[in-house]
Amino acid sequence: MDNIEFKSAFDAVRFALCYSAQQYGETLMAKRLRPPSSGGIGLVGLEGAAQAGMIRRELEELPDLHVSAIVANAAPRDLPCSCGASCCSGRTPNLEWQAAIGWLTGSSAAYCSGFPHYRVRRAIIERIFGVKCDLAEIAKECEAHVNTVSKQNAAVRKWLDGDRKAETPGVIQVAWMAMEGKLKRAGLLVESETA
């Protein structure tokens, strides 16, 4: 099997995190009928599963903090659901994303100077990773002062996103740099021609 080279670490990780274990290999007839190049990356069946597994192996070798930051950043928040139940919205929470957010929420306590409210810290983490929420509403629901929540938001954001003024990277940037290096060494990223 030839490895497909991805353009970025994000593309590779997103592919691996979205690759469904429910996919099966193409039949011989389907392979013959498939056009030579359909514009996608062309990974299906066992080849796709192998590629996803290689990427996941590289990801799992990183420290838990970095794995959580990358999964929270690249994994979909929910997945398609085809259970057919009348109460089903057609989507189900992605447990891998939820676990990453939970891990980061627990770790964020060290950066929230003694602020113990888990729900507020989780809302801050979710917001950093794209969930729309109003921190003023969260503060009200949790009976926390809005200024306290704002200070905690700034501290957690600085920890994860870094400090742009001081040009210091945060956990997310450090994690992606480490992942990019691992994928390059594994031959899974396209080498840029500008280097």
N, C-alpha and C. Protein backbone atom coordinates (compact mmCIF):
# COMPACT_ATOMS: atom_id res chain seq x y z
N MET A 1 0.84 -1.19 0.00
CA MET A 1 0.00 0.00 0.00
C MET A 1 0.87 1.24 0.00
N ASP A 2 0.59 2.16 -0.90
CA ASP A 2 1.30 3.44 -0.93
C ASP A 2 0.59 4.41 0.00
N ASN A 3 1.38 5.17 0.76
CA ASN A 3 0.81 6.19 1.63
C ASN A 3 0.36 7.37 0.80
N ILE A 4 -0.76 7.92 1.15
CA ILE A 4 -1.22 9.18 0.58
C ILE A 4 -0.58 10.28 1.41
N GLU A 5 -0.03 11.28 0.77
CA GLU A 5 0.55 12.40 1.50
C GLU A 5 -0.49 13.50 1.62
N PHE A 6 -0.68 13.99 2.83
CA PHE A 6 -1.64 15.05 3.10
C PHE A 6 -0.95 16.40 3.02
N LYS A 7 -1.72 17.44 2.74
CA LYS A 7 -1.16 18.79 2.62
C LYS A 7 -0.82 19.41 3.97
N SER A 8 -1.54 18.98 5.02
CA SER A 8 -1.27 19.55 6.35
C SER A 8 -1.54 18.50 7.41
N ALA A 9 -0.99 18.75 8.59
CA ALA A 9 -1.23 17.85 9.72
C ALA A 9 -2.71 17.85 10.07
N PHE A 10 -3.35 19.02 9.97
CA PHE A 10 -4.79 19.09 10.26
C PHE A 10 -5.57 18.19 9.32
N ASP A 11 -5.28 18.25 8.01
CA ASP A 11 -5.99 17.40 7.04
C ASP A 11 -5.82 15.92 7.37
N ALA A 12 -4.60 15.53 7.71
CA ALA A 12 -4.33 14.12 8.02
C ALA A 12 -5.08 13.67 9.27
N VAL A 13 -5.01 14.48 10.32
CA VAL A 13 -5.67 14.12 11.57
C VAL A 13 -7.19 14.13 11.39
N ARG A 14 -7.69 15.13 10.70
CA ARG A 14 -9.15 15.19 10.46
C ARG A 14 -9.61 13.93 9.72
N PHE A 15 -8.83 13.51 8.70
CA PHE A 15 -9.17 12.29 7.97
C PHE A 15 -9.23 11.11 8.93
N ALA A 16 -8.20 10.95 9.76
CA ALA A 16 -8.13 9.81 10.67
C ALA A 16 -9.26 9.82 11.70
N LEU A 17 -9.58 11.00 12.21
CA LEU A 17 -10.63 11.10 13.22
C LEU A 17 -12.03 10.93 12.64
N CYS A 18 -12.18 11.20 11.36
CA CYS A 18 -13.48 11.08 10.71
C CYS A 18 -13.67 9.75 10.00
N TYR A 19 -12.57 9.00 9.85
CA TYR A 19 -12.67 7.75 9.12
C TYR A 19 -13.54 6.78 9.91
N SER A 20 -14.54 6.27 9.29
CA SER A 20 -15.51 5.41 9.96
C SER A 20 -15.07 3.96 9.97
N ALA A 21 -15.18 3.35 11.12
CA ALA A 21 -14.89 1.92 11.23
C ALA A 21 -15.99 1.11 10.54
N GLN A 22 -17.07 1.77 10.15
CA GLN A 22 -18.17 1.08 9.49
C GLN A 22 -17.94 0.90 8.00
N GLN A 23 -16.87 1.48 7.46
CA GLN A 23 -16.62 1.37 6.03
C GLN A 23 -16.01 0.02 5.71
N TYR A 24 -16.34 -0.46 4.53
CA TYR A 24 -15.83 -1.75 4.10
C TYR A 24 -15.08 -1.58 2.79
N GLY A 25 -14.23 -2.54 2.47
CA GLY A 25 -13.47 -2.50 1.23
C GLY A 25 -14.39 -2.58 0.01
N GLU A 26 -13.92 -1.99 -1.08
CA GLU A 26 -14.67 -2.04 -2.33
C GLU A 26 -14.61 -3.45 -2.91
N THR A 27 -15.68 -3.80 -3.59
CA THR A 27 -15.66 -5.06 -4.31
C THR A 27 -14.77 -4.89 -5.54
N LEU A 28 -14.35 -6.00 -6.12
CA LEU A 28 -13.52 -5.95 -7.33
C LEU A 28 -14.25 -5.21 -8.44
N MET A 29 -15.54 -5.44 -8.57
CA MET A 29 -16.34 -4.78 -9.61
C MET A 29 -16.37 -3.27 -9.38
N ALA A 30 -16.55 -2.85 -8.13
CA ALA A 30 -16.60 -1.42 -7.83
C ALA A 30 -15.27 -0.75 -8.15
N LYS A 31 -14.15 -1.43 -7.88
CA LYS A 31 -12.83 -0.87 -8.19
C LYS A 31 -12.66 -0.70 -9.70
N ARG A 32 -13.14 -1.66 -10.46
CA ARG A 32 -13.01 -1.58 -11.92
C ARG A 32 -13.88 -0.48 -12.51
N LEU A 33 -15.03 -0.25 -11.92
CA LEU A 33 -15.96 0.74 -12.46
C LEU A 33 -15.63 2.16 -12.00
N ARG A 34 -14.80 2.29 -10.98
CA ARG A 34 -14.45 3.61 -10.46
C ARG A 34 -13.59 4.34 -11.48
N PRO A 35 -13.89 5.64 -11.72
CA PRO A 35 -13.04 6.41 -12.64
C PRO A 35 -11.62 6.50 -12.10
N PRO A 36 -10.62 6.71 -12.97
CA PRO A 36 -9.21 6.74 -12.54
C PRO A 36 -8.93 7.74 -11.43
N SER A 37 -9.48 8.94 -11.48
CA SER A 37 -9.26 9.92 -10.43
C SER A 37 -10.53 10.72 -10.25
N SER A 38 -11.08 10.64 -9.06
CA SER A 38 -12.32 11.34 -8.80
C SER A 38 -12.10 12.63 -8.03
N GLY A 39 -10.85 13.05 -7.83
CA GLY A 39 -10.55 14.31 -7.17
C GLY A 39 -10.40 14.21 -5.66
N GLY A 40 -10.85 13.11 -5.03
CA GLY A 40 -10.71 12.93 -3.59
C GLY A 40 -9.34 12.36 -3.29
N ILE A 41 -9.12 11.99 -2.03
CA ILE A 41 -7.82 11.42 -1.71
C ILE A 41 -7.79 9.92 -1.99
N GLY A 42 -8.93 9.33 -2.28
CA GLY A 42 -8.97 7.96 -2.76
C GLY A 42 -8.73 6.89 -1.73
N LEU A 43 -8.93 7.18 -0.47
CA LEU A 43 -8.72 6.17 0.56
C LEU A 43 -10.06 5.61 1.02
N VAL A 44 -10.30 4.35 0.68
CA VAL A 44 -11.51 3.68 1.11
C VAL A 44 -11.14 2.29 1.61
N GLY A 45 -12.07 1.65 2.25
CA GLY A 45 -11.87 0.27 2.66
C GLY A 45 -10.66 0.07 3.54
N LEU A 46 -9.97 -1.04 3.30
CA LEU A 46 -8.82 -1.39 4.14
C LEU A 46 -7.67 -0.42 3.99
N GLU A 47 -7.47 0.13 2.78
CA GLU A 47 -6.39 1.12 2.60
C GLU A 47 -6.67 2.37 3.44
N GLY A 48 -7.91 2.82 3.43
CA GLY A 48 -8.27 3.99 4.23
C GLY A 48 -8.13 3.71 5.72
N ALA A 49 -8.55 2.52 6.14
CA ALA A 49 -8.44 2.15 7.54
C ALA A 49 -6.97 2.08 7.97
N ALA A 50 -6.13 1.54 7.10
CA ALA A 50 -4.70 1.45 7.41
C ALA A 50 -4.09 2.84 7.54
N GLN A 51 -4.42 3.72 6.60
CA GLN A 51 -3.89 5.10 6.64
C GLN A 51 -4.37 5.81 7.90
N ALA A 52 -5.66 5.68 8.20
CA ALA A 52 -6.20 6.30 9.42
C ALA A 52 -5.50 5.74 10.65
N GLY A 53 -5.25 4.44 10.67
CA GLY A 53 -4.56 3.82 11.80
C GLY A 53 -3.14 4.32 11.98
N MET A 54 -2.43 4.53 10.87
CA MET A 54 -1.06 5.05 10.94
C MET A 54 -1.05 6.45 11.54
N ILE A 55 -2.00 7.26 11.11
CA ILE A 55 -2.08 8.64 11.62
C ILE A 55 -2.44 8.62 13.10
N ARG A 56 -3.41 7.80 13.46
CA ARG A 56 -3.81 7.70 14.87
C ARG A 56 -2.66 7.19 15.75
N ARG A 57 -1.86 6.27 15.24
CA ARG A 57 -0.71 5.77 16.00
C ARG A 57 0.24 6.92 16.31
N GLU A 58 0.51 7.76 15.31
CA GLU A 58 1.40 8.92 15.53
C GLU A 58 0.79 9.87 16.55
N LEU A 59 -0.52 10.08 16.46
CA LEU A 59 -1.22 10.97 17.39
C LEU A 59 -1.14 10.43 18.82
N GLU A 60 -1.38 9.15 18.99
CA GLU A 60 -1.41 8.56 20.32
C GLU A 60 -0.05 8.53 21.01
N GLU A 61 1.03 8.75 20.27
CA GLU A 61 2.36 8.80 20.88
C GLU A 61 2.65 10.15 21.54
N LEU A 62 1.80 11.14 21.28
CA LEU A 62 1.97 12.46 21.90
C LEU A 62 1.48 12.41 23.35
N PRO A 63 1.89 13.39 24.17
CA PRO A 63 1.37 13.47 25.54
C PRO A 63 -0.15 13.69 25.53
N ASP A 64 -0.83 13.25 26.58
CA ASP A 64 -2.30 13.36 26.66
C ASP A 64 -2.79 14.79 26.44
N LEU A 65 -2.07 15.76 26.96
CA LEU A 65 -2.45 17.16 26.78
C LEU A 65 -2.50 17.52 25.30
N HIS A 66 -1.49 17.11 24.55
CA HIS A 66 -1.44 17.42 23.12
C HIS A 66 -2.50 16.64 22.35
N VAL A 67 -2.69 15.38 22.69
CA VAL A 67 -3.73 14.58 22.03
C VAL A 67 -5.08 15.23 22.24
N SER A 68 -5.37 15.64 23.46
CA SER A 68 -6.67 16.27 23.76
C SER A 68 -6.85 17.57 22.98
N ALA A 69 -5.82 18.40 22.92
CA ALA A 69 -5.92 19.66 22.18
C ALA A 69 -6.15 19.41 20.69
N ILE A 70 -5.46 18.43 20.13
CA ILE A 70 -5.61 18.14 18.70
C ILE A 70 -6.98 17.54 18.40
N VAL A 71 -7.42 16.60 19.23
CA VAL A 71 -8.74 15.99 19.01
C VAL A 71 -9.84 17.04 19.16
N ALA A 72 -9.74 17.89 20.19
CA ALA A 72 -10.75 18.94 20.38
C ALA A 72 -10.77 19.90 19.19
N ASN A 73 -9.62 20.11 18.58
CA ASN A 73 -9.49 21.03 17.46
C ASN A 73 -9.91 20.42 16.13
N ALA A 74 -9.64 19.13 15.92
CA ALA A 74 -9.84 18.53 14.59
C ALA A 74 -11.01 17.57 14.47
N ALA A 75 -11.45 16.98 15.55
CA ALA A 75 -12.54 16.00 15.47
C ALA A 75 -13.89 16.71 15.35
N PRO A 76 -14.83 16.10 14.65
CA PRO A 76 -16.18 16.68 14.60
C PRO A 76 -16.83 16.57 15.99
N ARG A 77 -17.64 17.55 16.35
CA ARG A 77 -18.32 17.53 17.65
C ARG A 77 -19.42 16.49 17.71
N ASP A 78 -20.02 16.20 16.55
CA ASP A 78 -21.04 15.16 16.51
C ASP A 78 -20.89 14.35 15.24
N LEU A 79 -21.55 13.20 15.24
CA LEU A 79 -21.44 12.26 14.13
C LEU A 79 -22.82 11.91 13.61
N PRO A 80 -22.91 11.47 12.36
CA PRO A 80 -24.21 11.06 11.83
C PRO A 80 -24.75 9.86 12.62
N CYS A 81 -26.05 9.84 12.79
CA CYS A 81 -26.71 8.74 13.48
C CYS A 81 -27.85 8.24 12.60
N SER A 82 -27.90 6.96 12.40
CA SER A 82 -28.96 6.39 11.56
C SER A 82 -29.76 5.36 12.34
N CYS A 83 -29.97 5.62 13.63
CA CYS A 83 -30.68 4.65 14.47
C CYS A 83 -32.14 4.54 14.10
N GLY A 84 -32.69 5.59 13.51
CA GLY A 84 -34.09 5.55 13.08
C GLY A 84 -35.10 5.81 14.17
N ALA A 85 -34.66 6.08 15.40
CA ALA A 85 -35.60 6.36 16.48
C ALA A 85 -36.32 7.68 16.22
N SER A 86 -37.57 7.76 16.65
CA SER A 86 -38.35 8.97 16.39
C SER A 86 -37.76 10.19 17.09
N CYS A 87 -37.03 9.97 18.18
CA CYS A 87 -36.43 11.09 18.91
C CYS A 87 -35.06 11.47 18.38
N CYS A 88 -34.57 10.76 17.37
CA CYS A 88 -33.22 11.01 16.86
C CYS A 88 -33.20 12.22 15.94
N SER A 89 -32.20 13.06 16.13
CA SER A 89 -32.04 14.24 15.28
C SER A 89 -31.18 13.93 14.07
N GLY A 90 -30.69 12.69 13.99
CA GLY A 90 -29.79 12.32 12.89
C GLY A 90 -28.33 12.57 13.23
N ARG A 91 -28.05 13.07 14.42
CA ARG A 91 -26.69 13.33 14.88
C ARG A 91 -26.55 12.77 16.29
N THR A 92 -25.34 12.36 16.63
CA THR A 92 -25.05 11.88 17.98
C THR A 92 -23.73 12.50 18.43
N PRO A 93 -23.57 12.80 19.71
CA PRO A 93 -22.31 13.40 20.17
C PRO A 93 -21.12 12.49 19.87
N ASN A 94 -20.01 13.09 19.49
CA ASN A 94 -18.78 12.35 19.26
C ASN A 94 -18.10 12.17 20.61
N LEU A 95 -18.08 10.94 21.10
CA LEU A 95 -17.54 10.66 22.43
C LEU A 95 -16.05 10.97 22.52
N GLU A 96 -15.33 10.84 21.42
CA GLU A 96 -13.90 11.15 21.41
C GLU A 96 -13.68 12.65 21.63
N TRP A 97 -14.49 13.48 20.97
CA TRP A 97 -14.40 14.93 21.15
C TRP A 97 -14.79 15.29 22.58
N GLN A 98 -15.87 14.68 23.07
CA GLN A 98 -16.33 14.95 24.43
C GLN A 98 -15.25 14.62 25.46
N ALA A 99 -14.57 13.48 25.26
CA ALA A 99 -13.51 13.08 26.19
C ALA A 99 -12.34 14.07 26.17
N ALA A 100 -12.00 14.56 24.98
CA ALA A 100 -10.90 15.53 24.87
C ALA A 100 -11.27 16.82 25.60
N ILE A 101 -12.50 17.29 25.41
CA ILE A 101 -12.96 18.51 26.09
C ILE A 101 -12.95 18.28 27.61
N GLY A 102 -13.39 17.11 28.05
CA GLY A 102 -13.39 16.80 29.48
C GLY A 102 -11.98 16.79 30.06
N TRP A 103 -11.04 16.21 29.31
CA TRP A 103 -9.65 16.16 29.79
C TRP A 103 -9.08 17.57 29.91
N LEU A 104 -9.32 18.39 28.89
CA LEU A 104 -8.82 19.78 28.93
C LEU A 104 -9.50 20.59 30.03
N THR A 105 -10.78 20.33 30.27
CA THR A 105 -11.49 21.03 31.33
C THR A 105 -10.87 20.71 32.68
N GLY A 106 -10.58 19.44 32.92
CA GLY A 106 -9.93 19.05 34.17
C GLY A 106 -8.57 19.70 34.32
N SER A 107 -7.80 19.71 33.25
CA SER A 107 -6.46 20.30 33.29
C SER A 107 -6.49 21.81 33.43
N SER A 108 -7.56 22.44 32.99
CA SER A 108 -7.63 23.91 33.03
C SER A 108 -7.74 24.44 34.45
N ALA A 109 -8.09 23.60 35.40
CA ALA A 109 -8.22 24.06 36.79
C ALA A 109 -6.93 24.71 37.29
N ALA A 110 -5.80 24.22 36.82
CA ALA A 110 -4.52 24.78 37.24
C ALA A 110 -4.32 26.22 36.76
N TYR A 111 -5.06 26.62 35.73
CA TYR A 111 -4.90 27.96 35.16
C TYR A 111 -6.02 28.91 35.58
N CYS A 112 -6.94 28.40 36.38
CA CYS A 112 -8.09 29.21 36.80
C CYS A 112 -7.99 29.65 38.25
N SER A 113 -6.81 29.79 38.74
CA SER A 113 -6.49 30.29 40.09
C SER A 113 -7.56 29.97 41.13
N GLY A 114 -7.75 28.69 41.36
CA GLY A 114 -8.64 28.26 42.42
C GLY A 114 -10.12 28.34 42.10
N PHE A 115 -10.49 28.65 40.87
CA PHE A 115 -11.91 28.74 40.51
C PHE A 115 -12.41 27.32 40.25
N PRO A 116 -13.25 26.78 41.13
CA PRO A 116 -13.59 25.37 41.04
C PRO A 116 -14.75 25.01 40.11
N HIS A 117 -15.46 25.97 39.56
CA HIS A 117 -16.70 25.66 38.86
C HIS A 117 -16.44 24.97 37.51
N TYR A 118 -16.68 23.66 37.51
CA TYR A 118 -16.43 22.82 36.32
C TYR A 118 -17.23 23.29 35.11
N ARG A 119 -18.51 23.61 35.29
CA ARG A 119 -19.37 23.99 34.17
C ARG A 119 -18.86 25.25 33.47
N VAL A 120 -18.38 26.20 34.22
CA VAL A 120 -17.84 27.43 33.64
C VAL A 120 -16.57 27.11 32.86
N ARG A 121 -15.68 26.34 33.47
CA ARG A 121 -14.44 25.99 32.78
C ARG A 121 -14.72 25.19 31.50
N ARG A 122 -15.68 24.26 31.55
CA ARG A 122 -16.03 23.48 30.37
C ARG A 122 -16.59 24.39 29.27
N ALA A 123 -17.44 25.34 29.64
CA ALA A 123 -18.00 26.27 28.65
C ALA A 123 -16.88 27.09 27.99
N ILE A 124 -15.90 27.50 28.79
CA ILE A 124 -14.77 28.25 28.25
C ILE A 124 -13.99 27.40 27.25
N ILE A 125 -13.70 26.15 27.61
CA ILE A 125 -12.97 25.24 26.72
C ILE A 125 -13.77 24.98 25.45
N GLU A 126 -15.06 24.67 25.60
CA GLU A 126 -15.90 24.41 24.42
C GLU A 126 -15.93 25.63 23.50
N ARG A 127 -16.00 26.80 24.09
CA ARG A 127 -16.04 28.04 23.30
C ARG A 127 -14.75 28.21 22.49
N ILE A 128 -13.62 27.89 23.09
CA ILE A 128 -12.34 27.99 22.39
C ILE A 128 -12.34 27.07 21.17
N PHE A 129 -13.02 25.92 21.29
CA PHE A 129 -13.04 24.96 20.20
C PHE A 129 -14.32 25.03 19.37
N GLY A 130 -14.95 26.21 19.35
CA GLY A 130 -15.99 26.48 18.38
C GLY A 130 -17.43 26.35 18.79
N VAL A 131 -17.72 25.98 20.02
CA VAL A 131 -19.11 25.89 20.46
C VAL A 131 -19.59 27.30 20.79
N LYS A 132 -20.72 27.66 20.25
CA LYS A 132 -21.26 29.00 20.50
C LYS A 132 -21.94 29.01 21.87
N CYS A 133 -21.48 29.89 22.73
CA CYS A 133 -22.11 30.07 24.05
C CYS A 133 -21.80 31.46 24.56
N ASP A 134 -22.69 31.95 25.38
CA ASP A 134 -22.55 33.29 25.97
C ASP A 134 -22.02 33.12 27.39
N LEU A 135 -20.81 33.58 27.62
CA LEU A 135 -20.22 33.41 28.95
C LEU A 135 -20.97 34.17 30.03
N ALA A 136 -21.62 35.27 29.67
CA ALA A 136 -22.41 36.01 30.66
C ALA A 136 -23.59 35.15 31.13
N GLU A 137 -24.21 34.43 30.19
CA GLU A 137 -25.32 33.53 30.56
C GLU A 137 -24.82 32.38 31.42
N ILE A 138 -23.67 31.82 31.05
CA ILE A 138 -23.09 30.72 31.82
C ILE A 138 -22.78 31.21 33.24
N ALA A 139 -22.23 32.42 33.36
CA ALA A 139 -21.91 32.98 34.68
C ALA A 139 -23.18 33.10 35.52
N LYS A 140 -24.25 33.57 34.89
CA LYS A 140 -25.53 33.73 35.60
C LYS A 140 -26.08 32.38 36.04
N GLU A 141 -26.07 31.39 35.13
CA GLU A 141 -26.58 30.05 35.46
C GLU A 141 -25.80 29.42 36.60
N CYS A 142 -24.50 29.68 36.63
CA CYS A 142 -23.62 29.05 37.64
C CYS A 142 -23.42 29.92 38.86
N GLU A 143 -24.11 31.06 38.91
CA GLU A 143 -24.01 32.00 40.02
C GLU A 143 -22.57 32.43 40.29
N ALA A 144 -21.89 32.73 39.19
CA ALA A 144 -20.51 33.24 39.27
C ALA A 144 -20.52 34.67 38.73
N HIS A 145 -19.66 35.50 39.25
CA HIS A 145 -19.60 36.88 38.77
C HIS A 145 -19.03 36.90 37.35
N VAL A 146 -19.61 37.74 36.50
CA VAL A 146 -19.20 37.80 35.10
C VAL A 146 -17.73 38.21 34.95
N ASN A 147 -17.23 39.07 35.82
CA ASN A 147 -15.82 39.47 35.76
C ASN A 147 -14.89 38.30 36.08
N THR A 148 -15.30 37.46 37.02
CA THR A 148 -14.51 36.28 37.37
C THR A 148 -14.46 35.33 36.18
N VAL A 149 -15.60 35.12 35.56
CA VAL A 149 -15.66 34.24 34.39
C VAL A 149 -14.82 34.81 33.25
N SER A 150 -14.85 36.11 33.07
CA SER A 150 -14.06 36.76 32.03
C SER A 150 -12.56 36.57 32.28
N LYS A 151 -12.14 36.72 33.55
CA LYS A 151 -10.73 36.52 33.89
C LYS A 151 -10.31 35.06 33.66
N GLN A 152 -11.19 34.13 34.01
CA GLN A 152 -10.88 32.72 33.79
C GLN A 152 -10.80 32.41 32.30
N ASN A 153 -11.67 33.02 31.53
CA ASN A 153 -11.66 32.85 30.07
C ASN A 153 -10.32 33.32 29.51
N ALA A 154 -9.86 34.47 29.95
CA ALA A 154 -8.58 35.01 29.46
C ALA A 154 -7.41 34.09 29.84
N ALA A 155 -7.43 33.56 31.06
CA ALA A 155 -6.34 32.69 31.51
C ALA A 155 -6.31 31.38 30.72
N VAL A 156 -7.48 30.78 30.53
CA VAL A 156 -7.54 29.50 29.79
C VAL A 156 -7.21 29.72 28.32
N ARG A 157 -7.70 30.81 27.75
CA ARG A 157 -7.39 31.11 26.34
C ARG A 157 -5.88 31.32 26.15
N LYS A 158 -5.26 31.99 27.09
CA LYS A 158 -3.80 32.22 27.00
C LYS A 158 -3.06 30.88 27.09
N TRP A 159 -3.51 30.00 27.96
CA TRP A 159 -2.91 28.67 28.11
C TRP A 159 -3.03 27.87 26.81
N LEU A 160 -4.22 27.88 26.22
CA LEU A 160 -4.44 27.07 25.01
C LEU A 160 -4.00 27.76 23.72
N ASP A 161 -4.28 29.06 23.59
CA ASP A 161 -3.99 29.78 22.35
C ASP A 161 -2.67 30.54 22.37
N GLY A 162 -2.07 30.69 23.53
CA GLY A 162 -0.83 31.44 23.62
C GLY A 162 -1.07 32.92 23.80
N ASP A 163 0.00 33.67 23.76
CA ASP A 163 -0.06 35.12 23.93
C ASP A 163 0.49 35.76 22.66
N ARG A 164 -0.39 36.35 21.88
CA ARG A 164 0.03 36.94 20.59
C ARG A 164 0.95 38.13 20.77
N LYS A 165 0.69 38.94 21.82
CA LYS A 165 1.55 40.10 22.06
C LYS A 165 2.98 39.67 22.40
N ALA A 166 3.10 38.68 23.25
CA ALA A 166 4.42 38.19 23.65
C ALA A 166 4.95 37.16 22.65
N GLU A 167 4.14 36.81 21.65
CA GLU A 167 4.49 35.83 20.63
C GLU A 167 4.91 34.49 21.22
N THR A 168 4.15 34.06 22.25
CA THR A 168 4.40 32.74 22.83
C THR A 168 3.27 31.81 22.40
N PRO A 169 3.63 30.62 21.94
CA PRO A 169 2.58 29.70 21.50
C PRO A 169 1.86 29.08 22.69
N GLY A 170 0.64 28.66 22.43
CA GLY A 170 -0.13 27.97 23.45
C GLY A 170 -0.07 26.47 23.22
N VAL A 171 -0.79 25.74 24.04
CA VAL A 171 -0.82 24.28 23.96
C VAL A 171 -1.24 23.82 22.57
N ILE A 172 -2.23 24.46 21.98
CA ILE A 172 -2.74 24.03 20.67
C ILE A 172 -1.64 24.13 19.61
N GLN A 173 -0.94 25.24 19.55
CA GLN A 173 0.12 25.42 18.55
C GLN A 173 1.27 24.44 18.77
N VAL A 174 1.66 24.24 20.02
CA VAL A 174 2.75 23.32 20.33
C VAL A 174 2.35 21.89 19.93
N ALA A 175 1.11 21.53 20.21
CA ALA A 175 0.63 20.18 19.87
C ALA A 175 0.65 19.97 18.36
N TRP A 176 0.18 20.96 17.60
CA TRP A 176 0.16 20.82 16.14
C TRP A 176 1.58 20.79 15.56
N MET A 177 2.50 21.55 16.15
CA MET A 177 3.89 21.50 15.67
C MET A 177 4.48 20.11 15.89
N ALA A 178 4.19 19.53 17.05
CA ALA A 178 4.69 18.18 17.35
C ALA A 178 4.08 17.16 16.40
N MET A 179 2.79 17.30 16.15
CA MET A 179 2.10 16.35 15.26
C MET A 179 2.61 16.48 13.83
N GLU A 180 2.83 17.70 13.39
CA GLU A 180 3.35 17.92 12.04
C GLU A 180 4.72 17.27 11.87
N GLY A 181 5.57 17.43 12.86
CA GLY A 181 6.89 16.81 12.81
C GLY A 181 6.79 15.29 12.72
N LYS A 182 5.92 14.69 13.52
CA LYS A 182 5.75 13.23 13.50
C LYS A 182 5.24 12.76 12.14
N LEU A 183 4.27 13.47 11.57
CA LEU A 183 3.70 13.06 10.28
C LEU A 183 4.70 13.24 9.14
N LYS A 184 5.54 14.29 9.23
CA LYS A 184 6.58 14.48 8.21
C LYS A 184 7.59 13.34 8.27
N ARG A 185 8.02 13.00 9.48
CA ARG A 185 8.99 11.91 9.63
C ARG A 185 8.41 10.58 9.16
N ALA A 186 7.10 10.41 9.29
CA ALA A 186 6.45 9.17 8.86
C ALA A 186 6.16 9.17 7.36
N GLY A 187 6.46 10.30 6.69
CA GLY A 187 6.22 10.39 5.23
C GLY A 187 4.76 10.56 4.86
N LEU A 188 3.97 11.12 5.78
CA LEU A 188 2.53 11.29 5.53
C LEU A 188 2.13 12.70 5.14
N LEU A 189 3.10 13.63 5.10
CA LEU A 189 2.81 15.01 4.70
C LEU A 189 3.61 15.35 3.45
N VAL A 190 3.00 16.13 2.58
CA VAL A 190 3.67 16.61 1.39
C VAL A 190 4.75 17.58 1.83
N GLU A 191 5.96 17.41 1.33
CA GLU A 191 7.04 18.34 1.65
C GLU A 191 6.82 19.63 0.88
N SER A 192 6.90 20.76 1.58
CA SER A 192 6.69 22.03 0.90
C SER A 192 7.92 22.35 0.04
N GLU A 193 7.68 22.99 -1.09
CA GLU A 193 8.76 23.32 -2.01
C GLU A 193 9.45 24.62 -1.65
N THR A 194 8.92 25.35 -0.66
CA THR A 194 9.51 26.64 -0.27
C THR A 194 10.58 26.46 0.80
N ALA A 195 10.73 25.27 1.32
CA ALA A 195 11.70 25.06 2.41
C ALA A 195 13.12 25.09 1.93
